[in-house]
Amino acid sequence: MTNKQPQNPLHGITLEMILTSLVEQYGWEELGQRITIKCFTDNPSVKSSLKFLRRTPWARKKVEELYQKSVGKDA
């Protein structure tokens, strides 16, 4: 059984890859300004942010949307 997802622009990209890319591109301070969530503004780390984003669908969606805009992929 093949799990092809041609309509999913994030297929094969992990949340950790997305977050790491955004932190490299924007830095924690600007990322916290673009998406105002405490895990980006108060003592941020990839580990704590991933934990929060995995449990919080609305925040994960905002991060995924910013990533798609930053790499030019359609949402």
PDB file of N, CA and C in Angstrom:
ATOM      1  N   MET A   1       0.846  -1.175   0.000  1.00  0.00           N
ATOM      2  CA  MET A   1       0.000   0.000   0.000  1.00  0.00           C
ATOM      3  C   MET A   1       0.896   1.245   0.000  1.00  0.00           C
ATOM      4  N   THR A   2       0.689   2.118  -0.938  1.00  0.00           N
ATOM      5  CA  THR A   2       1.483   3.326  -1.067  1.00  0.00           C
ATOM      6  C   THR A   2       0.711   4.512  -0.524  1.00  0.00           C
ATOM      7  N   ASN A   3       1.371   5.326   0.306  1.00  0.00           N
ATOM      8  CA  ASN A   3       0.736   6.504   0.901  1.00  0.00           C
ATOM      9  C   ASN A   3       1.138   7.757   0.151  1.00  0.00           C
ATOM     10  N   LYS A   4       0.734   7.872  -1.092  1.00  0.00           N
ATOM     11  CA  LYS A   4       1.035   9.066  -1.874  1.00  0.00           C
ATOM     12  C   LYS A   4       0.013  10.144  -1.548  1.00  0.00           C
ATOM     13  N   GLN A   5       0.502  11.361  -1.412  1.00  0.00           N
ATOM     14  CA  GLN A   5      -0.360  12.490  -1.108  1.00  0.00           C
ATOM     15  C   GLN A   5       0.005  13.652  -2.022  1.00  0.00           C
ATOM     16  N   PRO A   6      -0.350  13.556  -3.302  1.00  0.00           N
ATOM     17  CA  PRO A   6       0.060  14.599  -4.242  1.00  0.00           C
ATOM     18  C   PRO A   6      -0.543  15.969  -3.955  1.00  0.00           C
ATOM     19  N   GLN A   7      -1.658  16.032  -3.253  1.00  0.00           N
ATOM     20  CA  GLN A   7      -2.309  17.302  -2.963  1.00  0.00           C
ATOM     21  C   GLN A   7      -1.819  17.932  -1.657  1.00  0.00           C
ATOM     22  N   ASN A   8      -0.946  17.246  -0.929  1.00  0.00           N
ATOM     23  CA  ASN A   8      -0.444  17.750   0.336  1.00  0.00           C
ATOM     24  C   ASN A   8       0.959  18.322   0.137  1.00  0.00           C
ATOM     25  N   PRO A   9       1.099  19.658   0.125  1.00  0.00           N
ATOM     26  CA  PRO A   9       2.414  20.261  -0.117  1.00  0.00           C
ATOM     27  C   PRO A   9       3.413  19.996   1.003  1.00  0.00           C
ATOM     28  N   LEU A  10       2.941  19.550   2.166  1.00  0.00           N
ATOM     29  CA  LEU A  10       3.841  19.274   3.286  1.00  0.00           C
ATOM     30  C   LEU A  10       4.173  17.790   3.426  1.00  0.00           C
ATOM     31  N   HIS A  11       3.728  16.992   2.479  1.00  0.00           N
ATOM     32  CA  HIS A  11       3.994  15.551   2.554  1.00  0.00           C
ATOM     33  C   HIS A  11       5.499  15.291   2.588  1.00  0.00           C
ATOM     34  N   GLY A  12       5.932  14.519   3.566  1.00  0.00           N
ATOM     35  CA  GLY A  12       7.342  14.171   3.691  1.00  0.00           C
ATOM     36  C   GLY A  12       8.161  15.170   4.479  1.00  0.00           C
ATOM     37  N   ILE A  13       7.536  16.245   4.955  1.00  0.00           N
ATOM     38  CA  ILE A  13       8.243  17.269   5.728  1.00  0.00           C
ATOM     39  C   ILE A  13       7.736  17.189   7.169  1.00  0.00           C
ATOM     40  N   THR A  14       8.646  16.953   8.098  1.00  0.00           N
ATOM     41  CA  THR A  14       8.247  16.824   9.495  1.00  0.00           C
ATOM     42  C   THR A  14       8.053  18.199  10.132  1.00  0.00           C
ATOM     43  N   LEU A  15       7.322  18.203  11.222  1.00  0.00           N
ATOM     44  CA  LEU A  15       7.111  19.440  11.968  1.00  0.00           C
ATOM     45  C   LEU A  15       8.447  19.986  12.473  1.00  0.00           C
ATOM     46  N   GLU A  16       9.346  19.107  12.857  1.00  0.00           N
ATOM     47  CA  GLU A  16      10.669  19.553  13.311  1.00  0.00           C
ATOM     48  C   GLU A  16      11.438  20.229  12.171  1.00  0.00           C
ATOM     49  N   MET A  17      11.339  19.684  10.965  1.00  0.00           N
ATOM     50  CA  MET A  17      11.991  20.299   9.815  1.00  0.00           C
ATOM     51  C   MET A  17      11.411  21.685   9.540  1.00  0.00           C
ATOM     52  N   ILE A  18      10.092  21.795   9.636  1.00  0.00           N
ATOM     53  CA  ILE A  18       9.410  23.075   9.411  1.00  0.00           C
ATOM     54  C   ILE A  18       9.873  24.102  10.440  1.00  0.00           C
ATOM     55  N   LEU A  19       9.837  23.721  11.711  1.00  0.00           N
ATOM     56  CA  LEU A  19      10.209  24.646  12.782  1.00  0.00           C
ATOM     57  C   LEU A  19      11.672  25.062  12.674  1.00  0.00           C
ATOM     58  N   THR A  20      12.543  24.115  12.426  1.00  0.00           N
ATOM     59  CA  THR A  20      13.970  24.419  12.294  1.00  0.00           C
ATOM     60  C   THR A  20      14.216  25.390  11.150  1.00  0.00           C
ATOM     61  N   SER A  21      13.534  25.175  10.029  1.00  0.00           N
ATOM     62  CA  SER A  21      13.674  26.061   8.883  1.00  0.00           C
ATOM     63  C   SER A  21      13.207  27.474   9.217  1.00  0.00           C
ATOM     64  N   LEU A  22      12.082  27.593   9.905  1.00  0.00           N
ATOM     65  CA  LEU A  22      11.556  28.908  10.262  1.00  0.00           C
ATOM     66  C   LEU A  22      12.476  29.629  11.250  1.00  0.00           C
ATOM     67  N   VAL A  23      13.026  28.900  12.204  1.00  0.00           N
ATOM     68  CA  VAL A  23      13.934  29.509  13.170  1.00  0.00           C
ATOM     69  C   VAL A  23      15.202  29.985  12.464  1.00  0.00           C
ATOM     70  N   GLU A  24      15.707  29.196  11.523  1.00  0.00           N
ATOM     71  CA  GLU A  24      16.889  29.612  10.769  1.00  0.00           C
ATOM     72  C   GLU A  24      16.603  30.845   9.917  1.00  0.00           C
ATOM     73  N   GLN A  25      15.410  30.896   9.339  1.00  0.00           N
ATOM     74  CA  GLN A  25      15.056  32.002   8.454  1.00  0.00           C
ATOM     75  C   GLN A  25      14.742  33.280   9.224  1.00  0.00           C
ATOM     76  N   TYR A  26      13.954  33.165  10.289  1.00  0.00           N
ATOM     77  CA  TYR A  26      13.459  34.352  10.987  1.00  0.00           C
ATOM     78  C   TYR A  26      14.121  34.600  12.344  1.00  0.00           C
ATOM     79  N   GLY A  27      14.577  33.558  13.005  1.00  0.00           N
ATOM     80  CA  GLY A  27      15.042  33.675  14.384  1.00  0.00           C
ATOM     81  C   GLY A  27      13.845  33.623  15.323  1.00  0.00           C
ATOM     82  N   TRP A  28      14.105  33.327  16.595  1.00  0.00           N
ATOM     83  CA  TRP A  28      13.002  33.180  17.551  1.00  0.00           C
ATOM     84  C   TRP A  28      12.233  34.484  17.761  1.00  0.00           C
ATOM     85  N   GLU A  29      12.946  35.598  17.825  1.00  0.00           N
ATOM     86  CA  GLU A  29      12.271  36.868  18.109  1.00  0.00           C
ATOM     87  C   GLU A  29      11.263  37.230  17.020  1.00  0.00           C
ATOM     88  N   GLU A  30      11.694  37.185  15.770  1.00  0.00           N
ATOM     89  CA  GLU A  30      10.770  37.521  14.680  1.00  0.00           C
ATOM     90  C   GLU A  30       9.670  36.466  14.534  1.00  0.00           C
ATOM     91  N   LEU A  31      10.022  35.216  14.751  1.00  0.00           N
ATOM     92  CA  LEU A  31       9.010  34.160  14.687  1.00  0.00           C
ATOM     93  C   LEU A  31       7.931  34.401  15.738  1.00  0.00           C
ATOM     94  N   GLY A  32       8.347  34.821  16.928  1.00  0.00           N
ATOM     95  CA  GLY A  32       7.393  35.145  17.992  1.00  0.00           C
ATOM     96  C   GLY A  32       6.537  36.357  17.667  1.00  0.00           C
ATOM     97  N   GLN A  33       7.050  37.266  16.844  1.00  0.00           N
ATOM     98  CA  GLN A  33       6.248  38.417  16.414  1.00  0.00           C
ATOM     99  C   GLN A  33       5.264  38.014  15.322  1.00  0.00           C
ATOM    100  N   ARG A  34       5.680  37.133  14.451  1.00  0.00           N
ATOM    101  CA  ARG A  34       4.805  36.688  13.354  1.00  0.00           C
ATOM    102  C   ARG A  34       3.702  35.769  13.855  1.00  0.00           C
ATOM    103  N   ILE A  35       4.037  34.894  14.788  1.00  0.00           N
ATOM    104  CA  ILE A  35       3.065  33.977  15.385  1.00  0.00           C
ATOM    105  C   ILE A  35       3.195  34.138  16.892  1.00  0.00           C
ATOM    106  N   THR A  36       2.268  34.844  17.492  1.00  0.00           N
ATOM    107  CA  THR A  36       2.368  35.174  18.904  1.00  0.00           C
ATOM    108  C   THR A  36       1.899  34.010  19.770  1.00  0.00           C
ATOM    109  N   ILE A  37       2.848  33.163  20.080  1.00  0.00           N
ATOM    110  CA  ILE A  37       2.585  32.079  21.027  1.00  0.00           C
ATOM    111  C   ILE A  37       3.765  32.024  21.996  1.00  0.00           C
ATOM    112  N   LYS A  38       3.465  31.701  23.238  1.00  0.00           N
ATOM    113  CA  LYS A  38       4.443  31.785  24.318  1.00  0.00           C
ATOM    114  C   LYS A  38       5.684  30.922  24.070  1.00  0.00           C
ATOM    115  N   CYS A  39       5.523  29.779  23.432  1.00  0.00           N
ATOM    116  CA  CYS A  39       6.686  28.905  23.228  1.00  0.00           C
ATOM    117  C   CYS A  39       7.707  29.519  22.275  1.00  0.00           C
ATOM    118  N   PHE A  40       7.340  30.571  21.551  1.00  0.00           N
ATOM    119  CA  PHE A  40       8.275  31.276  20.683  1.00  0.00           C
ATOM    120  C   PHE A  40       8.845  32.533  21.337  1.00  0.00           C
ATOM    121  N   THR A  41       8.176  33.025  22.370  1.00  0.00           N
ATOM    122  CA  THR A  41       8.587  34.300  22.958  1.00  0.00           C
ATOM    123  C   THR A  41       9.196  34.171  24.352  1.00  0.00           C
ATOM    124  N   ASP A  42       8.912  33.111  25.071  1.00  0.00           N
ATOM    125  CA  ASP A  42       9.375  32.961  26.448  1.00  0.00           C
ATOM    126  C   ASP A  42      10.310  31.760  26.564  1.00  0.00           C
ATOM    127  N   ASN A  43      11.611  32.014  26.547  1.00  0.00           N
ATOM    128  CA  ASN A  43      12.630  30.967  26.647  1.00  0.00           C
ATOM    129  C   ASN A  43      12.413  29.867  25.600  1.00  0.00           C
ATOM    130  N   PRO A  44      12.424  30.222  24.316  1.00  0.00           N
ATOM    131  CA  PRO A  44      12.078  29.265  23.263  1.00  0.00           C
ATOM    132  C   PRO A  44      13.144  28.191  23.036  1.00  0.00           C
ATOM    133  N   SER A  45      12.666  27.023  22.657  1.00  0.00           N
ATOM    134  CA  SER A  45      13.546  25.936  22.218  1.00  0.00           C
ATOM    135  C   SER A  45      12.759  25.093  21.230  1.00  0.00           C
ATOM    136  N   VAL A  46      13.473  24.376  20.399  1.00  0.00           N
ATOM    137  CA  VAL A  46      12.812  23.509  19.422  1.00  0.00           C
ATOM    138  C   VAL A  46      12.012  22.439  20.157  1.00  0.00           C
ATOM    139  N   LYS A  47      12.602  21.830  21.179  1.00  0.00           N
ATOM    140  CA  LYS A  47      11.939  20.743  21.908  1.00  0.00           C
ATOM    141  C   LYS A  47      10.620  21.191  22.542  1.00  0.00           C
ATOM    142  N   SER A  48      10.635  22.308  23.266  1.00  0.00           N
ATOM    143  CA  SER A  48       9.402  22.763  23.921  1.00  0.00           C
ATOM    144  C   SER A  48       8.366  23.226  22.900  1.00  0.00           C
ATOM    145  N   SER A  49       8.833  23.856  21.825  1.00  0.00           N
ATOM    146  CA  SER A  49       7.908  24.317  20.795  1.00  0.00           C
ATOM    147  C   SER A  49       7.247  23.138  20.087  1.00  0.00           C
ATOM    148  N   LEU A  50       8.028  22.104  19.779  1.00  0.00           N
ATOM    149  CA  LEU A  50       7.451  20.919  19.140  1.00  0.00           C
ATOM    150  C   LEU A  50       6.397  20.279  20.033  1.00  0.00           C
ATOM    151  N   LYS A  51       6.687  20.182  21.315  1.00  0.00           N
ATOM    152  CA  LYS A  51       5.731  19.586  22.252  1.00  0.00           C
ATOM    153  C   LYS A  51       4.407  20.361  22.231  1.00  0.00           C
ATOM    154  N   PHE A  52       4.499  21.694  22.265  1.00  0.00           N
ATOM    155  CA  PHE A  52       3.297  22.528  22.236  1.00  0.00           C
ATOM    156  C   PHE A  52       2.566  22.403  20.902  1.00  0.00           C
ATOM    157  N   LEU A  53       3.293  22.496  19.801  1.00  0.00           N
ATOM    158  CA  LEU A  53       2.671  22.469  18.476  1.00  0.00           C
ATOM    159  C   LEU A  53       1.994  21.132  18.186  1.00  0.00           C
ATOM    160  N   ARG A  54       2.545  20.053  18.685  1.00  0.00           N
ATOM    161  CA  ARG A  54       1.937  18.722  18.461  1.00  0.00           C
ATOM    162  C   ARG A  54       0.621  18.574  19.209  1.00  0.00           C
ATOM    163  N   ARG A  55       0.452  19.322  20.298  1.00  0.00           N
ATOM    164  CA  ARG A  55      -0.777  19.235  21.089  1.00  0.00           C
ATOM    165  C   ARG A  55      -1.776  20.338  20.772  1.00  0.00           C
ATOM    166  N   THR A  56      -1.387  21.297  19.915  1.00  0.00           N
ATOM    167  CA  THR A  56      -2.227  22.477  19.684  1.00  0.00           C
ATOM    168  C   THR A  56      -2.442  22.681  18.184  1.00  0.00           C
ATOM    169  N   PRO A  57      -3.515  22.112  17.641  1.00  0.00           N
ATOM    170  CA  PRO A  57      -3.745  22.157  16.195  1.00  0.00           C
ATOM    171  C   PRO A  57      -3.778  23.563  15.589  1.00  0.00           C
ATOM    172  N   TRP A  58      -4.375  24.535  16.263  1.00  0.00           N
ATOM    173  CA  TRP A  58      -4.461  25.880  15.672  1.00  0.00           C
ATOM    174  C   TRP A  58      -3.076  26.506  15.532  1.00  0.00           C
ATOM    175  N   ALA A  59      -2.203  26.260  16.501  1.00  0.00           N
ATOM    176  CA  ALA A  59      -0.843  26.812  16.441  1.00  0.00           C
ATOM    177  C   ALA A  59      -0.027  26.105  15.362  1.00  0.00           C
ATOM    178  N   ARG A  60      -0.186  24.794  15.285  1.00  0.00           N
ATOM    179  CA  ARG A  60       0.527  24.031  14.254  1.00  0.00           C
ATOM    180  C   ARG A  60       0.124  24.520  12.866  1.00  0.00           C
ATOM    181  N   LYS A  61      -1.164  24.783  12.691  1.00  0.00           N
ATOM    182  CA  LYS A  61      -1.646  25.261  11.397  1.00  0.00           C
ATOM    183  C   LYS A  61      -0.999  26.593  11.026  1.00  0.00           C
ATOM    184  N   LYS A  62      -0.883  27.495  11.991  1.00  0.00           N
ATOM    185  CA  LYS A  62      -0.251  28.793  11.724  1.00  0.00           C
ATOM    186  C   LYS A  62       1.214  28.621  11.330  1.00  0.00           C
ATOM    187  N   VAL A  63       1.909  27.718  11.999  1.00  0.00           N
ATOM    188  CA  VAL A  63       3.316  27.462  11.689  1.00  0.00           C
ATOM    189  C   VAL A  63       3.442  26.868  10.290  1.00  0.00           C
ATOM    190  N   GLU A  64       2.588  25.909   9.965  1.00  0.00           N
ATOM    191  CA  GLU A  64       2.622  25.290   8.639  1.00  0.00           C
ATOM    192  C   GLU A  64       2.307  26.311   7.548  1.00  0.00           C
ATOM    193  N   GLU A  65       1.352  27.197   7.795  1.00  0.00           N
ATOM    194  CA  GLU A  65       1.009  28.229   6.811  1.00  0.00           C
ATOM    195  C   GLU A  65       2.169  29.199   6.596  1.00  0.00           C
ATOM    196  N   LEU A  66       2.830  29.609   7.675  1.00  0.00           N
ATOM    197  CA  LEU A  66       3.975  30.504   7.538  1.00  0.00           C
ATOM    198  C   LEU A  66       5.095  29.811   6.763  1.00  0.00           C
ATOM    199  N   TYR A  67       5.313  28.549   7.038  1.00  0.00           N
ATOM    200  CA  TYR A  67       6.350  27.800   6.323  1.00  0.00           C
ATOM    201  C   TYR A  67       6.038  27.747   4.818  1.00  0.00           C
ATOM    202  N   GLN A  68       4.796  27.448   4.497  1.00  0.00           N
ATOM    203  CA  GLN A  68       4.405  27.362   3.091  1.00  0.00           C
ATOM    204  C   GLN A  68       4.610  28.701   2.392  1.00  0.00           C
ATOM    205  N   LYS A  69       4.273  29.796   3.059  1.00  0.00           N
ATOM    206  CA  LYS A  69       4.478  31.126   2.471  1.00  0.00           C
ATOM    207  C   LYS A  69       5.964  31.418   2.328  1.00  0.00           C
ATOM    208  N   SER A  70       6.755  30.997   3.297  1.00  0.00           N
ATOM    209  CA  SER A  70       8.187  31.321   3.275  1.00  0.00           C
ATOM    210  C   SER A  70       8.955  30.547   2.217  1.00  0.00           C
ATOM    211  N   VAL A  71       8.452  29.383   1.832  1.00  0.00           N
ATOM    212  CA  VAL A  71       9.139  28.594   0.784  1.00  0.00           C
ATOM    213  C   VAL A  71       8.394  28.655  -0.545  1.00  0.00           C
ATOM    214  N   GLY A  72       7.308  29.405  -0.573  1.00  0.00           N
ATOM    215  CA  GLY A  72       6.573  29.597  -1.824  1.00  0.00           C
ATOM    216  C   GLY A  72       5.684  28.438  -2.233  1.00  0.00           C
ATOM    217  N   LYS A  73       5.273  27.610  -1.274  1.00  0.00           N
ATOM    218  CA  LYS A  73       4.352  26.505  -1.582  1.00  0.00           C
ATOM    219  C   LYS A  73       2.938  26.961  -1.316  1.00  0.00           C
ATOM    220  N   ASP A  74       2.024  26.541  -2.153  1.00  0.00           N
ATOM    221  CA  ASP A  74       0.605  26.905  -1.967  1.00  0.00           C
ATOM    222  C   ASP A  74       0.039  26.196  -0.770  1.00  0.00           C
ATOM    223  N   ALA A  75      -0.776  26.905  -0.022  1.00  0.00           N
ATOM    224  CA  ALA A  75      -1.425  26.333   1.160  1.00  0.00           C
ATOM    225  C   ALA A  75      -2.600  25.466   0.774  1.00  0.00           C
TER     226      ALA A  75
END
